[in-house]
Structures are given as C-alpha cells and as structure tokens.
Protein backbone atom coordinates (compact mmCIF):
# COMPACT_ATOMS: atom_id res chain seq x y z
CA MET A 1 38.90 106.81 59.52
CA ARG A 2 39.65 105.83 63.43
CA MET A 3 43.25 104.89 63.61
CA THR A 4 43.54 101.42 65.59
CA GLN A 5 46.32 101.18 67.84
CA ILE A 6 48.66 98.52 68.04
CA ALA A 7 49.68 97.16 71.50
CA PRO A 8 53.18 96.76 72.41
CA PRO A 9 54.78 93.34 71.98
CA THR A 10 54.23 91.59 75.31
CA VAL A 11 57.81 90.17 77.06
CA THR A 12 57.47 87.21 79.17
CA LEU A 13 59.60 84.48 80.66
CA SER A 14 59.25 81.26 79.85
CA PRO A 15 58.91 78.44 82.66
CA GLU A 16 62.44 77.31 81.78
CA ASP A 17 63.66 80.60 82.84
CA MET A 18 61.62 80.57 85.90
CA GLU A 19 63.04 77.65 86.84
CA GLU A 20 66.31 78.89 86.37
CA ILE A 21 65.61 82.09 88.61
CA ASP A 22 64.30 79.74 91.24
CA LYS A 23 67.92 77.84 90.90
CA LEU A 24 69.56 81.22 90.91
CA GLU A 25 67.67 82.59 94.05
CA SER A 26 68.33 79.50 95.97
CA LEU A 27 72.33 80.00 95.27
CA ARG A 28 71.39 84.03 96.53
CA ASP A 29 69.65 82.42 99.67
CA LEU A 30 72.95 80.74 101.03
CA ILE A 31 74.58 84.28 100.59
CA ARG A 32 72.11 85.80 102.18
CA ASP A 33 72.10 83.36 105.04
CA ARG A 34 75.82 83.49 105.51
CA VAL A 35 76.00 87.20 105.55
CA THR A 36 72.68 87.23 108.24
CA GLY A 37 74.71 84.72 109.90
CA VAL A 38 77.54 87.36 110.20
CA ALA A 39 75.21 90.56 110.80
CA GLU A 40 72.95 88.85 113.60
CA ARG A 41 76.44 87.52 115.53
CA TYR A 42 76.17 83.82 114.87
CA HIS A 43 79.73 83.89 113.15
CA VAL A 44 82.32 86.02 113.10
CA GLY A 45 83.28 85.97 109.52
CA THR A 46 82.24 84.22 106.05
CA TYR A 47 84.29 84.01 102.77
CA ILE A 48 82.12 84.22 99.56
CA TYR A 49 83.73 83.38 96.36
CA GLY A 50 83.00 82.31 93.00
CA ARG A 51 81.83 83.62 89.51
CA PRO A 52 82.76 87.34 88.70
CA GLY A 53 79.41 89.50 87.55
CA SER A 54 77.24 87.04 89.30
CA SER A 55 75.72 89.53 92.07
CA LYS A 56 77.30 88.50 95.14
CA THR A 57 78.52 92.05 96.04
CA HIS A 58 74.98 93.43 95.57
CA THR A 59 73.22 90.22 97.37
CA VAL A 60 75.68 91.31 100.24
CA VAL A 61 74.85 94.31 100.82
CA GLU A 62 71.34 94.46 99.60
CA THR A 63 71.04 91.85 102.67
CA LEU A 64 72.52 94.27 104.89
CA ASP A 65 70.60 97.04 104.06
CA ASN A 66 67.36 94.96 104.80
CA LEU A 67 68.85 93.87 107.87
CA GLY A 68 69.54 97.38 109.11
CA ASN A 69 72.48 95.93 110.53
CA PRO A 70 75.80 99.15 110.38
CA TYR A 71 78.41 97.95 107.98
CA LYS A 72 81.47 99.19 105.88
CA LEU A 73 82.26 98.62 102.90
CA CYS A 74 85.66 98.22 101.68
CA ASN A 75 86.42 97.61 98.10
CA ALA A 76 89.87 99.43 96.81
CA ARG A 77 93.28 98.10 97.71
CA MET A 78 94.08 97.85 101.46
CA SER A 79 96.97 97.54 102.98
CA ALA A 80 97.89 95.87 106.36
CA PRO A 81 97.56 98.99 108.44
CA GLY A 82 94.56 100.22 106.63
CA LEU A 83 92.84 96.97 107.38
CA PHE A 84 93.55 97.81 111.27
CA ASP A 85 92.32 101.41 110.99
CA VAL A 86 88.97 100.07 109.79
CA LEU A 87 88.57 97.65 112.74
CA ARG A 88 89.24 99.82 114.95
CA ASP A 89 87.08 102.89 113.60
CA HIS A 90 84.64 100.49 112.85
CA PRO A 91 84.66 98.14 116.29
CA GLU A 92 80.85 97.17 115.93
CA HIS A 93 80.29 97.27 112.39
CA VAL A 94 80.00 94.30 109.65
CA VAL A 95 82.99 94.80 107.65
CA VAL A 96 82.50 94.15 103.78
CA LEU A 97 86.06 93.12 101.99
CA ASP A 98 84.77 93.31 98.29
CA ASP A 99 87.29 91.37 95.97
CA ILE A 100 90.57 92.50 97.84
CA ASN A 101 92.91 89.83 96.96
CA SER A 102 95.99 91.28 98.01
CA LEU A 103 95.04 91.21 101.57
CA PHE A 104 94.91 87.62 101.87
CA LYS A 105 98.31 87.49 100.14
CA ASN A 106 99.57 89.81 102.92
CA LYS A 107 100.93 87.96 106.05
CA GLY A 108 100.63 91.15 108.09
CA ALA A 109 96.96 91.59 107.03
CA ILE A 110 96.42 87.84 107.44
CA GLN A 111 97.58 88.15 111.40
CA ILE A 112 95.16 90.70 111.85
CA LEU A 113 92.34 88.93 110.53
CA MET A 114 93.13 86.05 112.21
CA ALA A 115 92.77 88.20 115.80
CA ALA A 116 89.83 90.11 114.73
CA LEU A 117 87.97 86.64 114.01
CA GLY A 118 89.59 84.60 116.83
CA GLY A 119 86.86 84.56 119.78
CA LYS A 120 83.06 84.17 120.20
CA PRO A 121 80.55 86.23 118.06
CA GLY A 122 79.38 89.28 119.45
CA GLU A 123 82.39 89.68 122.02
CA PRO A 124 85.29 91.84 121.79
CA ARG A 125 88.42 90.05 120.19
CA ARG A 126 91.76 92.22 120.76
CA ILE A 127 93.70 92.98 117.72
CA THR A 128 97.04 94.08 118.73
CA TYR A 129 99.51 95.52 115.79
CA GLN A 130 102.77 96.64 115.56
CA ILE A 131 103.28 99.60 113.56
CA LYS A 132 106.98 100.29 112.71
CA GLY A 133 108.30 103.70 114.34
CA ILE A 134 105.27 103.86 116.62
CA GLY A 135 104.85 100.79 118.34
CA LYS A 136 101.96 98.59 119.44
CA GLU A 137 98.61 99.58 118.72
CA SER A 138 95.42 97.70 119.85
CA CYS A 139 91.81 97.91 119.67
CA ASP A 140 88.73 95.71 120.52
CA PHE A 141 86.44 94.47 117.60
CA SER A 142 83.27 92.86 118.17
CA GLY A 143 81.69 93.33 114.59
CA GLY A 144 82.11 90.58 111.81
CA ILE A 145 83.63 90.48 108.67
CA VAL A 146 82.45 89.18 105.29
CA ALA A 147 85.07 88.91 102.73
CA ILE A 148 83.84 88.46 98.57
CA SER A 149 86.27 87.21 96.07
CA ASN A 150 86.28 85.79 92.63
CA LEU A 151 88.76 82.88 93.71
CA PRO A 152 88.98 80.67 96.70
CA LEU A 153 91.56 81.42 99.30
CA ARG A 154 95.03 79.97 99.08
CA ARG A 155 95.99 77.09 100.49
CA ASP A 156 99.11 77.38 103.32
CA PRO A 157 99.18 76.79 107.17
CA GLU A 158 98.26 80.33 108.12
CA THR A 159 95.51 80.73 105.59
CA ASP A 160 93.94 77.59 106.52
CA ALA A 161 94.03 78.90 110.11
CA LEU A 162 92.14 82.12 109.02
CA THR A 163 89.83 79.65 106.80
CA SER A 164 89.16 77.62 110.06
CA ARG A 165 87.42 80.72 111.76
CA VAL A 166 84.83 81.44 108.98
CA THR A 167 81.95 79.86 107.23
CA THR A 168 82.90 79.63 103.26
CA LEU A 169 80.66 79.79 100.42
CA SER A 170 81.61 78.98 96.85
CA TYR A 171 78.95 80.42 94.58
CA GLU A 172 78.97 79.52 90.95
CA PRO A 173 75.40 79.84 89.08
CA THR A 174 75.45 78.64 85.39
CA ASP A 175 75.18 80.98 82.44
CA ALA A 176 71.33 79.74 82.14
CA MET A 177 70.40 80.88 85.89
CA LEU A 178 72.80 84.59 84.94
CA ILE A 179 70.45 84.67 81.47
CA ALA A 180 67.25 84.26 83.03
CA PHE A 181 68.21 86.31 85.85
CA CYS A 182 69.27 89.29 83.28
CA LYS A 183 65.90 88.87 81.35
CA SER A 184 63.64 89.36 84.75
CA LEU A 185 65.31 92.54 85.43
CA ALA A 186 64.80 93.40 81.92
CA LEU A 187 60.97 92.93 82.11
CA LYS A 188 61.23 95.69 84.77
CA GLY A 189 62.60 98.10 82.24
CA PHE A 190 66.08 99.94 83.08
CA GLU A 191 66.01 103.63 83.22
CA ASP A 192 64.16 104.95 80.28
CA LEU A 193 64.07 101.77 78.59
CA THR A 194 60.88 99.83 77.88
CA PRO A 195 60.81 96.13 78.81
CA VAL A 196 60.91 95.31 75.49
CA GLU A 197 64.20 97.49 74.52
CA ALA A 198 65.70 95.84 77.53
CA ILE A 199 65.05 92.19 76.76
CA ASP A 200 66.21 93.15 72.92
CA VAL A 201 69.54 94.06 74.76
CA VAL A 202 69.68 91.04 76.60
CA GLU A 203 69.43 88.86 73.86
CA PHE A 204 71.72 91.02 71.93
CA VAL A 205 74.48 90.52 74.17
CA LEU A 206 74.13 86.83 74.62
CA SER A 207 74.33 86.30 70.67
CA GLU A 208 77.55 88.36 70.85
CA CYS A 209 79.03 86.71 73.71
CA ARG A 210 78.54 83.31 71.96
CA LYS A 211 80.07 84.44 69.22
CA MET A 212 83.13 85.84 71.04
CA ASP A 213 83.18 82.84 73.34
CA VAL A 214 82.29 85.45 76.18
CA ARG A 215 80.78 84.42 79.29
CA ILE A 216 77.98 86.78 79.88
CA ASP A 217 77.69 88.67 83.43
CA LEU A 218 75.29 90.81 84.92
CA ARG A 219 77.79 93.96 84.62
CA THR A 220 77.87 93.58 80.83
CA VAL A 221 74.45 93.65 80.53
CA VAL A 222 74.12 96.61 82.68
CA LYS A 223 76.76 98.32 80.25
CA ALA A 224 75.08 97.39 77.44
CA TRP A 225 71.61 98.58 78.80
CA HIS A 226 73.66 102.21 79.23
CA ASP A 227 74.91 101.92 75.57
CA ARG A 228 71.10 101.61 74.13
CA ARG A 229 70.22 104.85 76.32
CA LEU A 230 73.28 106.42 74.90
CA ASP A 231 71.84 105.61 71.24
CA LYS A 232 67.96 106.19 72.02
CA ASN A 233 68.77 109.85 73.55
CA GLY A 234 70.94 110.89 70.31
CA ILE A 235 73.80 111.10 72.26
CA SER A 236 75.93 108.51 70.99
CA ILE A 237 77.60 108.54 67.24
CA ARG A 238 77.57 104.85 66.61
CA PRO A 239 74.51 102.70 66.88
CA TRP A 240 74.32 100.87 70.60
CA GLU A 241 75.13 97.53 69.03
CA ASP A 242 78.61 98.76 67.68
CA LEU A 243 79.22 100.24 71.47
CA VAL A 244 78.42 96.64 72.89
CA ARG A 245 80.23 94.73 70.59
CA SER A 246 83.29 96.95 71.00
CA SER A 247 83.11 96.56 74.58
CA LEU A 248 83.06 92.73 74.40
CA ASP A 249 85.63 92.35 71.37
CA ARG A 250 88.89 93.24 73.64
CA PRO A 251 92.05 90.86 73.68
CA THR A 252 92.90 88.38 76.34
CA VAL A 253 94.85 90.00 79.22
CA ARG A 254 96.92 87.51 81.04
CA THR A 255 96.55 88.66 84.63
CA GLU A 256 97.07 85.43 86.28
CA SER A 257 100.67 83.94 86.62
CA ARG A 258 100.89 79.98 85.53
CA ALA A 259 101.89 79.38 89.16
CA ASP A 260 98.98 81.19 90.47
CA ARG A 261 96.38 79.57 88.05
CA ILE A 262 98.38 76.12 88.89
CA GLU A 263 97.52 76.85 93.14
CA ARG A 264 94.15 77.97 92.25
CA GLU A 265 93.23 74.73 90.29
CA THR A 266 94.81 72.52 92.94
CA ILE A 267 92.60 74.27 95.53
CA LEU A 268 89.30 73.64 93.51
CA ALA A 269 90.18 69.97 92.87
CA LYS A 270 90.48 69.57 96.60
CA GLU A 271 87.29 71.03 97.00
CA LEU A 272 85.76 69.20 94.42
CA PHE A 273 86.49 65.56 95.62
CA LEU A 274 85.53 66.87 99.14
CA LYS A 275 81.99 68.24 97.93
CA PHE A 276 81.55 64.96 95.59
CA PRO A 277 83.55 62.23 96.77
CA GLU A 278 81.19 59.50 95.00
CA ASP A 279 79.72 61.59 92.12
CA LYS A 280 82.37 61.75 89.39
CA ALA A 281 80.21 62.81 86.46
CA THR A 282 78.84 66.12 88.71
CA ARG A 283 82.61 66.47 89.95
CA ASP A 284 84.04 66.32 86.15
CA LYS A 285 80.83 68.71 84.78
CA VAL A 286 81.67 71.33 87.54
CA TRP A 287 85.65 71.16 86.84
CA ARG A 288 84.94 71.54 82.96
CA ASP A 289 82.62 74.48 83.61
CA LEU A 290 84.51 76.41 86.20
CA THR A 291 88.30 75.97 84.25
CA GLN A 292 87.38 75.18 80.67
CA SER A 293 89.90 72.07 81.02
CA SER A 294 89.35 68.34 80.51
CA PRO A 295 88.51 66.07 83.77
CA HIS A 296 92.05 64.99 83.09
CA SER A 297 93.55 67.80 84.46
CA LEU A 298 91.45 67.43 87.65
CA TYR A 299 93.08 64.62 88.66
CA ARG A 300 96.35 65.64 88.05
CA ARG A 301 95.60 68.88 90.28
CA TYR A 302 94.28 66.75 92.72
CA ARG A 303 97.83 64.55 92.80
CA GLY A 304 99.47 68.02 92.93
CA GLU A 305 100.88 67.59 89.66
C-alpha cells in the first residue's frame, strides 16, 4: 500500500504583519541614513536612542558593514582616558559607542567628545587631554562617532553643547512592528530550527510576555530559539517552554533612581512637545507607550514638577 506524504504546514505573514514590517523598515532606514551620514562624512556624529532589544545596534553595524567603511565598536564600560585612547588609535574610523551611558555622565569624557565633534566632517579635529602625572596628550581625529543608547541624553549645559554638534534620532518601534519582524526572521528558520518551529517559538514567547506583562524584544526571541534548539537536540533536561518561562519570570530590579527617572521623563516630555506641538492625541499616546504612565504625568514633567 502506497503511503501518502503529508506536506509540512505553510507559514506565511499576514497583510497586517507585512504592513508593520514596512513601518519598521522605514524607522530602520532612518538609522541607516544617520549612520551613512557619519560614515560618508556629511556629519561628525549621531546619537541614536530608543527601545532596548529593537535592532538598533544590529542595524548600525549592518549598515557600516555594507558601506565597507572602517569602524571600531566599543560596547563595554569606558573611562575618559579610554575614550581618548580609542580616538587616538582610530583617527579615521567611525567609532561606535554602544550603550555606554556612563560616558555621557563623565565631564572629562564629554569634553573629549566635544573636541572630537567640534569641527567639519572629514577634517581633522584636535583633541587635547590632560592626563594626571603625564601631562597633556593630543591627537587629531577626522572620523565620526555613532552613539547608541536606550535613553535620551541628559539635559545640562555641557551635554546640550555636545548635542548641538550631532544629529539625534529617537527610535521607538511598536510591539506590533517587532512581533512582525520576529515572524519574518522565523520564516527563514533559525540554525537547525525549521520555519514552523521558529514561528512556534515566537508565538509562545508572545503569549508568555502578555501573561507576565513583559514587552517583547528581539533578544528574548533569539534566546528562546536557542532554548528550543537545546530541547530539540536532546541536551536540555526540561522542555524548552519551561526554559523560556524561567527566563521571562524574573523579579523587577530597580536599576534607575527616582531622580534619574524624573530627569529622563522631563527630557522626554520636552521632546514630545517639540515633536508634536499641536497633536495632543499622538503626544499623549507616545508618552503612555514609552512610560506606561498617564498623560497627566506628561504635563507635570513638562512643567518641571
């Protein structure tokens, strides 16, 4: 008797998913343009900030790889002297400062950045730095700087002076955009996972995130794919679903002081009033999405309360 082969299920994106992916790509195009502007010497630097786990760094690095311009990626804690050393040793590179928020709270580092960004694109800018016990060191830097962060820059006279030298970009994709993007990646399969298995993981992560009131992000999905691979290859003791749940089920750790939160929200409030001066509905919605707070707090922060 001849056996009938059953075709594997077909996985496709819905029209709504495709629309969300188009929206996300439009946002990522803004990152690509900002990075290209620095790499091709139209701007001396750019500061890109927004939602964590939303492909900011990947898009920056992918853009630089496609352009073929030399770049130096820095993604660990860095001191002011360390920053000076990087700029001195890579005078014509695009220096990518990935999520090094401590740099922008360090007055010495800000002074170095202002010198590095204080001239015309592509032309040497002299950086002079006083090193205790050694004296002054100087170098010329003609490259560019791309800074990536989850938070907007602080507001104070020195940081405002730094901000005036660079372009800035607020990158805030919605949950729907990231969910559709994860599905599109899953359609290609992941390592030894089939597209069907990869999509299954995305749907499971989405369901668990909703139950636990956790925002979905790309890093969470990638880790879940690896958990499924552990299970699929007979390496894990527990099912992959348990591994994913255990990764999501974590206590909330307060890493931001009240003063820092108020400062961040005050900066965001002023930016929203500048961006949407006449559109109260959009302004309130963006505030609610980004802070999980009511519009009432938006107006209090805008008034400096």
